[in-house]
């Protein structure tokens, strides 16, 4: 019976130690989550403040200057297109580059 009691006590001690280890891990995780939540709340508050400032600035600008409006700007470029409307490639041949005096072509 002493042997069974000793085995039971050893098993209980191992379980208690394992449980303490797991509880400690949970407490650390809980602390980390609380810290992250606090940081998230601060970030959300900052974003809310910035959005409010931008909204008020835009609202103030549009109400104080109704004649000013935002106009989209388009840039037109001279790009040749083929029949299908796709960009055409230039088929012109280029003359080989000439070397200045004193340069040597290493590929010759």
PDB file of N, CA and C in Angstrom:
ATOM      1  N   UNK A   1       0.825  -1.194   0.000  1.00  0.00           N
ATOM      2  CA  UNK A   1       0.000   0.000   0.000  1.00  0.00           C
ATOM      3  C   UNK A   1       0.870   1.260   0.000  1.00  0.00           C
ATOM      4  N   UNK A   2       2.010   1.217   0.678  1.00  0.00           N
ATOM      5  CA  UNK A   2       2.919   2.369   0.666  1.00  0.00           C
ATOM      6  C   UNK A   2       3.431   2.642  -0.740  1.00  0.00           C
ATOM      7  N   UNK A   3       3.670   1.579  -1.487  1.00  0.00           N
ATOM      8  CA  UNK A   3       4.156   1.731  -2.858  1.00  0.00           C
ATOM      9  C   UNK A   3       3.081   2.382  -3.730  1.00  0.00           C
ATOM     10  N   UNK A   4       1.842   1.986  -3.570  1.00  0.00           N
ATOM     11  CA  UNK A   4       0.733   2.569  -4.329  1.00  0.00           C
ATOM     12  C   UNK A   4       0.556   4.034  -3.945  1.00  0.00           C
ATOM     13  N   UNK A   5       0.697   4.322  -2.660  1.00  0.00           N
ATOM     14  CA  UNK A   5       0.567   5.694  -2.184  1.00  0.00           C
ATOM     15  C   UNK A   5       1.688   6.568  -2.748  1.00  0.00           C
ATOM     16  N   UNK A   6       2.897   6.019  -2.771  1.00  0.00           N
ATOM     17  CA  UNK A   6       4.045   6.760  -3.305  1.00  0.00           C
ATOM     18  C   UNK A   6       3.852   7.011  -4.809  1.00  0.00           C
ATOM     19  N   UNK A   7       3.348   6.007  -5.529  1.00  0.00           N
ATOM     20  CA  UNK A   7       3.094   6.158  -6.966  1.00  0.00           C
ATOM     21  C   UNK A   7       2.030   7.221  -7.206  1.00  0.00           C
ATOM     22  N   UNK A   8       0.973   7.164  -6.384  1.00  0.00           N
ATOM     23  CA  UNK A   8      -0.107   8.145  -6.518  1.00  0.00           C
ATOM     24  C   UNK A   8       0.421   9.560  -6.242  1.00  0.00           C
ATOM     25  N   UNK A   9       1.238   9.695  -5.205  1.00  0.00           N
ATOM     26  CA  UNK A   9       1.788  11.000  -4.830  1.00  0.00           C
ATOM     27  C   UNK A   9       2.696  11.539  -5.938  1.00  0.00           C
ATOM     28  N   UNK A  10       3.507  10.661  -6.549  1.00  0.00           N
ATOM     29  CA  UNK A  10       4.388  11.081  -7.638  1.00  0.00           C
ATOM     30  C   UNK A  10       3.549  11.533  -8.838  1.00  0.00           C
ATOM     31  N   UNK A  11       2.502  10.784  -9.150  1.00  0.00           N
ATOM     32  CA  UNK A  11       1.621  11.130 -10.261  1.00  0.00           C
ATOM     33  C   UNK A  11       0.927  12.465  -9.992  1.00  0.00           C
ATOM     34  N   UNK A  12       0.458  12.654  -8.768  1.00  0.00           N
ATOM     35  CA  UNK A  12      -0.207  13.892  -8.387  1.00  0.00           C
ATOM     36  C   UNK A  12       0.757  15.073  -8.504  1.00  0.00           C
ATOM     37  N   UNK A  13       1.990  14.893  -8.043  1.00  0.00           N
ATOM     38  CA  UNK A  13       3.005  15.946  -8.104  1.00  0.00           C
ATOM     39  C   UNK A  13       3.300  16.320  -9.557  1.00  0.00           C
ATOM     40  N   UNK A  14       3.420  15.310 -10.431  1.00  0.00           N
ATOM     41  CA  UNK A  14       3.671  15.572 -11.852  1.00  0.00           C
ATOM     42  C   UNK A  14       2.502  16.322 -12.488  1.00  0.00           C
ATOM     43  N   UNK A  15       1.280  15.906 -12.153  1.00  0.00           N
ATOM     44  CA  UNK A  15       0.103  16.581 -12.704  1.00  0.00           C
ATOM     45  C   UNK A  15       0.024  18.020 -12.210  1.00  0.00           C
ATOM     46  N   UNK A  16       0.306  18.239 -10.929  1.00  0.00           N
ATOM     47  CA  UNK A  16       0.260  19.587 -10.366  1.00  0.00           C
ATOM     48  C   UNK A  16       1.316  20.473 -11.020  1.00  0.00           C
ATOM     49  N   UNK A  17       2.497  19.922 -11.234  1.00  0.00           N
ATOM     50  CA  UNK A  17       3.571  20.681 -11.874  1.00  0.00           C
ATOM     51  C   UNK A  17       3.183  21.032 -13.314  1.00  0.00           C
ATOM     52  N   UNK A  18       2.626  20.065 -14.025  1.00  0.00           N
ATOM     53  CA  UNK A  18       2.185  20.278 -15.399  1.00  0.00           C
ATOM     54  C   UNK A  18       1.087  21.335 -15.441  1.00  0.00           C
ATOM     55  N   UNK A  19       0.162  21.261 -14.489  1.00  0.00           N
ATOM     56  CA  UNK A  19      -0.936  22.220 -14.427  1.00  0.00           C
ATOM     57  C   UNK A  19      -0.411  23.628 -14.132  1.00  0.00           C
ATOM     58  N   UNK A  20       0.541  23.755 -13.214  1.00  0.00           N
ATOM     59  CA  UNK A  20       1.137  25.059 -12.909  1.00  0.00           C
ATOM     60  C   UNK A  20       1.814  25.644 -14.146  1.00  0.00           C
ATOM     61  N   UNK A  21       2.527  24.783 -14.885  1.00  0.00           N
ATOM     62  CA  UNK A  21       3.213  25.221 -16.094  1.00  0.00           C
ATOM     63  C   UNK A  21       2.202  25.737 -17.121  1.00  0.00           C
ATOM     64  N   UNK A  22       1.106  25.004 -17.305  1.00  0.00           N
ATOM     65  CA  UNK A  22       0.081  25.408 -18.281  1.00  0.00           C
ATOM     66  C   UNK A  22      -0.632  26.686 -17.842  1.00  0.00           C
ATOM     67  N   UNK A  23      -0.927  26.808 -16.556  1.00  0.00           N
ATOM     68  CA  UNK A  23      -1.584  28.019 -16.050  1.00  0.00           C
ATOM     69  C   UNK A  23      -0.666  29.223 -16.232  1.00  0.00           C
ATOM     70  N   UNK A  24       0.613  29.022 -15.978  1.00  0.00           N
ATOM     71  CA  UNK A  24       1.577  30.105 -16.162  1.00  0.00           C
ATOM     72  C   UNK A  24       1.603  30.548 -17.629  1.00  0.00           C
ATOM     73  N   UNK A  25       1.577  29.593 -18.544  1.00  0.00           N
ATOM     74  CA  UNK A  25       1.540  29.916 -19.971  1.00  0.00           C
ATOM     75  C   UNK A  25       0.276  30.671 -20.342  1.00  0.00           C
ATOM     76  N   UNK A  26      -0.855  30.259 -19.775  1.00  0.00           N
ATOM     77  CA  UNK A  26      -2.119  30.952 -20.035  1.00  0.00           C
ATOM     78  C   UNK A  26      -2.087  32.376 -19.495  1.00  0.00           C
ATOM     79  N   UNK A  27      -1.496  32.563 -18.321  1.00  0.00           N
ATOM     80  CA  UNK A  27      -1.398  33.906 -17.741  1.00  0.00           C
ATOM     81  C   UNK A  27      -0.536  34.815 -18.613  1.00  0.00           C
ATOM     82  N   UNK A  28       0.578  34.261 -19.134  1.00  0.00           N
ATOM     83  CA  UNK A  28       1.433  35.054 -20.029  1.00  0.00           C
ATOM     84  C   UNK A  28       0.675  35.421 -21.306  1.00  0.00           C
ATOM     85  N   UNK A  29      -0.069  34.457 -21.846  1.00  0.00           N
ATOM     86  CA  UNK A  29      -0.847  34.728 -23.058  1.00  0.00           C
ATOM     87  C   UNK A  29      -1.913  35.781 -22.784  1.00  0.00           C
ATOM     88  N   UNK A  30      -2.555  35.688 -21.628  1.00  0.00           N
ATOM     89  CA  UNK A  30      -3.591  36.656 -21.270  1.00  0.00           C
ATOM     90  C   UNK A  30      -2.986  38.059 -21.143  1.00  0.00           C
ATOM     91  N   UNK A  31      -1.830  38.168 -20.529  1.00  0.00           N
ATOM     92  CA  UNK A  31      -1.150  39.457 -20.393  1.00  0.00           C
ATOM     93  C   UNK A  31      -0.803  40.026 -21.767  1.00  0.00           C
ATOM     94  N   UNK A  32      -0.310  39.167 -22.652  1.00  0.00           N
ATOM     95  CA  UNK A  32       0.034  39.605 -24.009  1.00  0.00           C
ATOM     96  C   UNK A  32      -1.216  40.077 -24.753  1.00  0.00           C
ATOM     97  N   UNK A  33      -2.307  39.352 -24.617  1.00  0.00           N
ATOM     98  CA  UNK A  33      -3.558  39.731 -25.287  1.00  0.00           C
ATOM     99  C   UNK A  33      -4.058  41.065 -24.756  1.00  0.00           C
ATOM    100  N   UNK A  34      -4.007  41.248 -23.432  1.00  0.00           N
ATOM    101  CA  UNK A  34      -4.444  42.525 -22.851  1.00  0.00           C
ATOM    102  C   UNK A  34      -3.598  43.679 -23.381  1.00  0.00           C
ATOM    103  N   UNK A  35      -2.288  43.462 -23.466  1.00  0.00           N
ATOM    104  CA  UNK A  35      -1.387  44.494 -23.975  1.00  0.00           C
ATOM    105  C   UNK A  35      -1.703  44.800 -25.440  1.00  0.00           C
ATOM    106  N   UNK A  36      -1.923  43.751 -26.219  1.00  0.00           N
ATOM    107  CA  UNK A  36      -2.254  43.944 -27.635  1.00  0.00           C
ATOM    108  C   UNK A  36      -3.577  44.677 -27.795  1.00  0.00           C
ATOM    109  N   UNK A  37      -4.554  44.345 -26.970  1.00  0.00           N
ATOM    110  CA  UNK A  37      -5.856  45.010 -27.038  1.00  0.00           C
ATOM    111  C   UNK A  37      -5.716  46.491 -26.692  1.00  0.00           C
ATOM    112  N   UNK A  38      -4.905  46.787 -25.685  1.00  0.00           N
ATOM    113  CA  UNK A  38      -4.685  48.177 -25.294  1.00  0.00           C
ATOM    114  C   UNK A  38      -4.035  48.947 -26.441  1.00  0.00           C
ATOM    115  N   UNK A  39      -3.028  48.334 -27.068  1.00  0.00           N
ATOM    116  CA  UNK A  39      -2.350  48.965 -28.199  1.00  0.00           C
ATOM    117  C   UNK A  39      -3.315  49.158 -29.362  1.00  0.00           C
ATOM    118  N   UNK A  40      -4.160  48.166 -29.609  1.00  0.00           N
ATOM    119  CA  UNK A  40      -5.145  48.261 -30.686  1.00  0.00           C
ATOM    120  C   UNK A  40      -6.146  49.381 -30.412  1.00  0.00           C
ATOM    121  N   UNK A  41      -6.551  49.523 -29.153  1.00  0.00           N
ATOM    122  CA  UNK A  41      -7.476  50.607 -28.797  1.00  0.00           C
ATOM    123  C   UNK A  41      -6.828  51.968 -29.027  1.00  0.00           C
ATOM    124  N   UNK A  42      -5.546  52.092 -28.665  1.00  0.00           N
ATOM    125  CA  UNK A  42      -4.832  53.353 -28.888  1.00  0.00           C
ATOM    126  C   UNK A  42      -4.721  53.653 -30.381  1.00  0.00           C
ATOM    127  N   UNK A  43      -4.375  52.621 -31.174  1.00  0.00           N
ATOM    128  CA  UNK A  43      -4.263  52.806 -32.624  1.00  0.00           C
ATOM    129  C   UNK A  43      -5.607  53.205 -33.222  1.00  0.00           C
ATOM    130  N   UNK A  44      -6.669  52.538 -32.791  1.00  0.00           N
ATOM    131  CA  UNK A  44      -8.004  52.840 -33.303  1.00  0.00           C
ATOM    132  C   UNK A  44      -8.399  54.265 -32.955  1.00  0.00           C
ATOM    133  N   UNK A  45      -8.081  54.686 -31.742  1.00  0.00           N
ATOM    134  CA  UNK A  45      -8.388  56.046 -31.321  1.00  0.00           C
ATOM    135  C   UNK A  45      -7.616  57.059 -32.170  1.00  0.00           C
ATOM    136  N   UNK A  46      -6.342  56.769 -32.438  1.00  0.00           N
ATOM    137  CA  UNK A  46      -5.526  57.666 -33.273  1.00  0.00           C
ATOM    138  C   UNK A  46      -6.082  57.750 -34.688  1.00  0.00           C
ATOM    139  N   UNK A  47      -6.454  56.608 -35.246  1.00  0.00           N
ATOM    140  CA  UNK A  47      -7.017  56.590 -36.601  1.00  0.00           C
ATOM    141  C   UNK A  47      -8.322  57.368 -36.627  1.00  0.00           C
ATOM    142  N   UNK A  48      -9.146  57.176 -35.605  1.00  0.00           N
ATOM    143  CA  UNK A  48     -10.419  57.898 -35.516  1.00  0.00           C
ATOM    144  C   UNK A  48     -10.169  59.409 -35.487  1.00  0.00           C
ATOM    145  N   UNK A  49      -9.183  59.836 -34.696  1.00  0.00           N
ATOM    146  CA  UNK A  49      -8.858  61.265 -34.611  1.00  0.00           C
ATOM    147  C   UNK A  49      -8.386  61.802 -35.958  1.00  0.00           C
ATOM    148  N   UNK A  50      -7.508  61.052 -36.633  1.00  0.00           N
ATOM    149  CA  UNK A  50      -7.010  61.496 -37.939  1.00  0.00           C
ATOM    150  C   UNK A  50      -8.143  61.588 -38.957  1.00  0.00           C
ATOM    151  N   UNK A  51      -9.017  60.590 -38.968  1.00  0.00           N
ATOM    152  CA  UNK A  51     -10.136  60.602 -39.917  1.00  0.00           C
ATOM    153  C   UNK A  51     -11.069  61.778 -39.632  1.00  0.00           C
ATOM    154  N   UNK A  52     -11.309  62.059 -38.346  1.00  0.00           N
ATOM    155  CA  UNK A  52     -12.163  63.190 -37.977  1.00  0.00           C
ATOM    156  C   UNK A  52     -11.536  64.497 -38.438  1.00  0.00           C
ATOM    157  N   UNK A  53     -10.223  64.651 -38.227  1.00  0.00           N
ATOM    158  CA  UNK A  53      -9.522  65.860 -38.669  1.00  0.00           C
ATOM    159  C   UNK A  53      -9.600  66.016 -40.185  1.00  0.00           C
ATOM    160  N   UNK A  54      -9.384  64.918 -40.915  1.00  0.00           N
ATOM    161  CA  UNK A  54      -9.446  64.988 -42.377  1.00  0.00           C
ATOM    162  C   UNK A  54     -10.860  65.320 -42.838  1.00  0.00           C
ATOM    163  N   UNK A  55     -11.856  64.719 -42.223  1.00  0.00           N
ATOM    164  CA  UNK A  55     -13.245  64.992 -42.595  1.00  0.00           C
ATOM    165  C   UNK A  55     -13.582  66.458 -42.343  1.00  0.00           C
ATOM    166  N   UNK A  56     -13.209  66.946 -41.151  1.00  0.00           N
ATOM    167  CA  UNK A  56     -13.500  68.346 -40.813  1.00  0.00           C
ATOM    168  C   UNK A  56     -12.761  69.307 -41.739  1.00  0.00           C
ATOM    169  N   UNK A  57     -11.519  68.983 -42.090  1.00  0.00           N
ATOM    170  CA  UNK A  57     -10.755  69.839 -43.000  1.00  0.00           C
ATOM    171  C   UNK A  57     -11.415  69.859 -44.374  1.00  0.00           C
ATOM    172  N   UNK A  58     -11.833  68.706 -44.854  1.00  0.00           N
ATOM    173  CA  UNK A  58     -12.485  68.644 -46.163  1.00  0.00           C
ATOM    174  C   UNK A  58     -13.826  69.358 -46.127  1.00  0.00           C
ATOM    175  N   UNK A  59     -14.590  69.108 -45.076  1.00  0.00           N
ATOM    176  CA  UNK A  59     -15.905  69.738 -44.945  1.00  0.00           C
ATOM    177  C   UNK A  59     -15.754  71.252 -44.840  1.00  0.00           C
ATOM    178  N   UNK A  60     -14.779  71.701 -44.057  1.00  0.00           N
ATOM    179  CA  UNK A  60     -14.529  73.131 -43.910  1.00  0.00           C
ATOM    180  C   UNK A  60     -14.088  73.754 -45.212  1.00  0.00           C
ATOM    181  N   UNK A  61     -13.256  73.050 -45.964  1.00  0.00           N
ATOM    182  CA  UNK A  61     -12.769  73.576 -47.241  1.00  0.00           C
ATOM    183  C   UNK A  61     -13.915  73.665 -48.240  1.00  0.00           C
ATOM    184  N   UNK A  62     -14.752  72.635 -48.306  1.00  0.00           N
ATOM    185  CA  UNK A  62     -15.813  72.638 -49.311  1.00  0.00           C
ATOM    186  C   UNK A  62     -16.918  73.621 -48.957  1.00  0.00           C
ATOM    187  N   UNK A  63     -17.153  73.852 -47.660  1.00  0.00           N
ATOM    188  CA  UNK A  63     -18.215  74.795 -47.295  1.00  0.00           C
ATOM    189  C   UNK A  63     -17.743  76.243 -47.396  1.00  0.00           C
ATOM    190  N   UNK A  64     -16.450  76.496 -47.158  1.00  0.00           N
ATOM    191  CA  UNK A  64     -15.956  77.870 -47.209  1.00  0.00           C
ATOM    192  C   UNK A  64     -15.636  78.306 -48.636  1.00  0.00           C
ATOM    193  N   UNK A  65     -15.365  77.375 -49.531  1.00  0.00           N
ATOM    194  CA  UNK A  65     -15.028  77.721 -50.912  1.00  0.00           C
ATOM    195  C   UNK A  65     -15.856  76.867 -51.867  1.00  0.00           C
ATOM    196  N   UNK A  66     -17.134  77.164 -52.016  1.00  0.00           N
ATOM    197  CA  UNK A  66     -17.961  76.319 -52.877  1.00  0.00           C
ATOM    198  C   UNK A  66     -17.573  76.385 -54.343  1.00  0.00           C
ATOM    199  N   UNK A  67     -16.840  77.432 -54.765  1.00  0.00           N
ATOM    200  CA  UNK A  67     -16.478  77.548 -56.177  1.00  0.00           C
ATOM    201  C   UNK A  67     -15.302  76.642 -56.541  1.00  0.00           C
ATOM    202  N   UNK A  68     -14.546  76.198 -55.533  1.00  0.00           N
ATOM    203  CA  UNK A  68     -13.392  75.348 -55.801  1.00  0.00           C
ATOM    204  C   UNK A  68     -13.863  73.901 -55.848  1.00  0.00           C
ATOM    205  N   UNK A  69     -13.502  73.213 -56.915  1.00  0.00           N
ATOM    206  CA  UNK A  69     -13.853  71.799 -57.008  1.00  0.00           C
ATOM    207  C   UNK A  69     -12.652  71.018 -57.504  1.00  0.00           C
ATOM    208  N   UNK A  70     -12.673  69.743 -57.257  1.00  0.00           N
ATOM    209  CA  UNK A  70     -11.589  68.875 -57.690  1.00  0.00           C
ATOM    210  C   UNK A  70     -11.887  68.437 -59.110  1.00  0.00           C
ATOM    211  N   UNK A  71     -10.927  68.620 -60.006  1.00  0.00           N
ATOM    212  CA  UNK A  71     -11.105  68.243 -61.400  1.00  0.00           C
ATOM    213  C   UNK A  71     -10.091  67.172 -61.765  1.00  0.00           C
ATOM    214  N   UNK A  72     -10.559  66.037 -62.278  1.00  0.00           N
ATOM    215  CA  UNK A  72      -9.595  65.006 -62.678  1.00  0.00           C
ATOM    216  C   UNK A  72      -8.786  65.482 -63.877  1.00  0.00           C
ATOM    217  N   UNK A  73      -7.531  65.103 -63.935  1.00  0.00           N
ATOM    218  CA  UNK A  73      -6.650  65.501 -65.024  1.00  0.00           C
ATOM    219  C   UNK A  73      -6.237  64.257 -65.796  1.00  0.00           C
ATOM    220  N   UNK A  74      -6.353  64.317 -67.111  1.00  0.00           N
ATOM    221  CA  UNK A  74      -5.955  63.198 -67.946  1.00  0.00           C
ATOM    222  C   UNK A  74      -4.732  63.596 -68.755  1.00  0.00           C
ATOM    223  N   UNK A  75      -3.789  62.688 -68.886  1.00  0.00           N
ATOM    224  CA  UNK A  75      -2.596  62.943 -69.689  1.00  0.00           C
ATOM    225  C   UNK A  75      -2.737  62.177 -70.993  1.00  0.00           C
ATOM    226  N   UNK A  76      -2.673  62.891 -72.107  1.00  0.00           N
ATOM    227  CA  UNK A  76      -2.745  62.254 -73.414  1.00  0.00           C
ATOM    228  C   UNK A  76      -1.334  62.043 -73.920  1.00  0.00           C
ATOM    229  N   UNK A  77      -1.078  60.854 -74.423  1.00  0.00           N
ATOM    230  CA  UNK A  77       0.248  60.555 -74.954  1.00  0.00           C
ATOM    231  C   UNK A  77       0.114  60.133 -76.404  1.00  0.00           C
ATOM    232  N   UNK A  78       1.130  60.361 -77.173  1.00  0.00           N
ATOM    233  CA  UNK A  78       1.145  59.975 -78.579  1.00  0.00           C
ATOM    234  C   UNK A  78       1.727  58.576 -78.675  1.00  0.00           C
ATOM    235  N   UNK A  79       0.857  57.562 -78.590  1.00  0.00           N
ATOM    236  CA  UNK A  79       1.293  56.177 -78.665  1.00  0.00           C
ATOM    237  C   UNK A  79       0.640  55.538 -79.879  1.00  0.00           C
ATOM    238  N   UNK A  80       1.416  55.091 -80.860  1.00  0.00           N
ATOM    239  CA  UNK A  80       0.819  54.460 -82.032  1.00  0.00           C
ATOM    240  C   UNK A  80       0.045  53.208 -81.624  1.00  0.00           C
ATOM    241  N   UNK A  81      -1.100  52.978 -82.268  1.00  0.00           N
ATOM    242  CA  UNK A  81      -1.903  51.797 -81.971  1.00  0.00           C
ATOM    243  C   UNK A  81      -2.188  51.058 -83.260  1.00  0.00           C
ATOM    244  N   UNK A  82      -2.316  49.737 -83.178  1.00  0.00           N
ATOM    245  CA  UNK A  82      -2.650  48.958 -84.362  1.00  0.00           C
ATOM    246  C   UNK A  82      -4.166  48.893 -84.527  1.00  0.00           C
ATOM    247  N   UNK A  83      -4.663  48.094 -85.467  1.00  0.00           N
ATOM    248  CA  UNK A  83      -6.094  48.030 -85.766  1.00  0.00           C
ATOM    249  C   UNK A  83      -6.906  47.600 -84.550  1.00  0.00           C
ATOM    250  N   UNK A  84      -6.359  46.705 -83.732  1.00  0.00           N
ATOM    251  CA  UNK A  84      -7.077  46.208 -82.556  1.00  0.00           C
ATOM    252  C   UNK A  84      -7.023  47.174 -81.381  1.00  0.00           C
ATOM    253  N   UNK A  85      -6.371  48.289 -81.524  1.00  0.00           N
ATOM    254  CA  UNK A  85      -6.279  49.261 -80.442  1.00  0.00           C
ATOM    255  C   UNK A  85      -5.136  48.998 -79.486  1.00  0.00           C
ATOM    256  N   UNK A  86      -4.327  47.989 -79.804  1.00  0.00           N
ATOM    257  CA  UNK A  86      -3.202  47.675 -78.930  1.00  0.00           C
ATOM    258  C   UNK A  86      -2.019  48.555 -79.301  1.00  0.00           C
ATOM    259  N   UNK A  87      -1.109  48.748 -78.350  1.00  0.00           N
ATOM    260  CA  UNK A  87       0.084  49.544 -78.646  1.00  0.00           C
ATOM    261  C   UNK A  87       0.882  48.865 -79.744  1.00  0.00           C
ATOM    262  N   UNK A  88       1.241  49.629 -80.746  1.00  0.00           N
ATOM    263  CA  UNK A  88       2.025  49.087 -81.857  1.00  0.00           C
ATOM    264  C   UNK A  88       3.496  49.168 -81.506  1.00  0.00           C
ATOM    265  N   UNK A  89       4.229  48.173 -81.932  1.00  0.00           N
ATOM    266  CA  UNK A  89       5.668  48.214 -81.683  1.00  0.00           C
ATOM    267  C   UNK A  89       6.332  48.950 -82.827  1.00  0.00           C
ATOM    268  N   UNK A  90       7.378  49.621 -82.521  1.00  0.00           N
ATOM    269  CA  UNK A  90       8.112  50.388 -83.526  1.00  0.00           C
ATOM    270  C   UNK A  90       9.006  49.429 -84.302  1.00  0.00           C
ATOM    271  N   UNK A  91       8.842  49.400 -85.629  1.00  0.00           N
ATOM    272  CA  UNK A  91       9.635  48.495 -86.455  1.00  0.00           C
ATOM    273  C   UNK A  91      10.841  49.181 -87.080  1.00  0.00           C
ATOM    274  N   UNK A  92      11.072  50.421 -86.737  1.00  0.00           N
ATOM    275  CA  UNK A  92      12.202  51.150 -87.313  1.00  0.00           C
ATOM    276  C   UNK A  92      13.498  50.524 -86.841  1.00  0.00           C
ATOM    277  N   UNK A  93      14.471  50.500 -87.734  1.00  0.00           N
ATOM    278  CA  UNK A  93      15.767  49.946 -87.354  1.00  0.00           C
ATOM    279  C   UNK A  93      16.646  51.065 -86.832  1.00  0.00           C
ATOM    280  N   UNK A  94      17.427  50.733 -85.864  1.00  0.00           N
ATOM    281  CA  UNK A  94      18.340  51.717 -85.296  1.00  0.00           C
ATOM    282  C   UNK A  94      19.732  51.473 -85.855  1.00  0.00           C
ATOM    283  N   UNK A  95      20.430  52.545 -86.070  1.00  0.00           N
ATOM    284  CA  UNK A  95      21.801  52.414 -86.530  1.00  0.00           C
ATOM    285  C   UNK A  95      22.665  52.029 -85.345  1.00  0.00           C
ATOM    286  N   UNK A  96      23.701  51.237 -85.593  1.00  0.00           N
ATOM    287  CA  UNK A  96      24.576  50.845 -84.478  1.00  0.00           C
ATOM    288  C   UNK A  96      25.215  52.070 -83.841  1.00  0.00           C
ATOM    289  N   UNK A  97      25.443  51.967 -82.563  1.00  0.00           N
ATOM    290  CA  UNK A  97      26.064  53.068 -81.839  1.00  0.00           C
ATOM    291  C   UNK A  97      27.487  53.273 -82.333  1.00  0.00           C
ATOM    292  N   UNK A  98      27.875  54.519 -82.490  1.00  0.00           N
ATOM    293  CA  UNK A  98      29.246  54.796 -82.912  1.00  0.00           C
ATOM    294  C   UNK A  98      30.085  55.028 -81.668  1.00  0.00           C
ATOM    295  N   UNK A  99      31.340  54.677 -81.784  1.00  0.00           N
ATOM    296  CA  UNK A  99      32.252  54.860 -80.659  1.00  0.00           C
ATOM    297  C   UNK A  99      32.962  56.195 -80.790  1.00  0.00           C
ATOM    298  N   UNK A 100      33.209  56.783 -79.656  1.00  0.00           N
ATOM    299  CA  UNK A 100      33.994  58.015 -79.692  1.00  0.00           C
ATOM    300  C   UNK A 100      35.456  57.642 -79.832  1.00  0.00           C
ATOM    301  N   UNK A 101      36.236  58.579 -80.232  1.00  0.00           N
ATOM    302  CA  UNK A 101      37.650  58.335 -80.463  1.00  0.00           C
ATOM    303  C   UNK A 101      38.325  57.862 -79.182  1.00  0.00           C
ATOM    304  N   UNK A 102      39.081  56.793 -79.285  1.00  0.00           N
ATOM    305  CA  UNK A 102      39.811  56.283 -78.135  1.00  0.00           C
ATOM    306  C   UNK A 102      39.116  55.124 -77.441  1.00  0.00           C
ATOM    307  N   UNK A 103      37.824  54.886 -77.723  1.00  0.00           N
ATOM    308  CA  UNK A 103      37.135  53.751 -77.113  1.00  0.00           C
ATOM    309  C   UNK A 103      37.427  52.492 -77.909  1.00  0.00           C
ATOM    310  N   UNK A 104      37.420  51.379 -77.225  1.00  0.00           N
ATOM    311  CA  UNK A 104      37.699  50.100 -77.874  1.00  0.00           C
ATOM    312  C   UNK A 104      36.495  49.193 -77.664  1.00  0.00           C
ATOM    313  N   UNK A 105      36.040  48.511 -78.734  1.00  0.00           N
ATOM    314  CA  UNK A 105      34.943  47.556 -78.613  1.00  0.00           C
ATOM    315  C   UNK A 105      35.542  46.228 -78.175  1.00  0.00           C
ATOM    316  N   UNK A 106      35.208  45.755 -76.989  1.00  0.00           N
ATOM    317  CA  UNK A 106      35.790  44.527 -76.460  1.00  0.00           C
ATOM    318  C   UNK A 106      35.209  43.295 -77.128  1.00  0.00           C
ATOM    319  N   UNK A 107      34.120  43.426 -77.883  1.00  0.00           N
ATOM    320  CA  UNK A 107      33.499  42.277 -78.539  1.00  0.00           C
ATOM    321  C   UNK A 107      34.084  41.997 -79.922  1.00  0.00           C
ATOM    322  N   UNK A 108      35.043  42.807 -80.371  1.00  0.00           N
ATOM    323  CA  UNK A 108      35.628  42.609 -81.709  1.00  0.00           C
ATOM    324  C   UNK A 108      36.735  41.608 -81.623  1.00  0.00           C
TER     325      UNK A 108
END
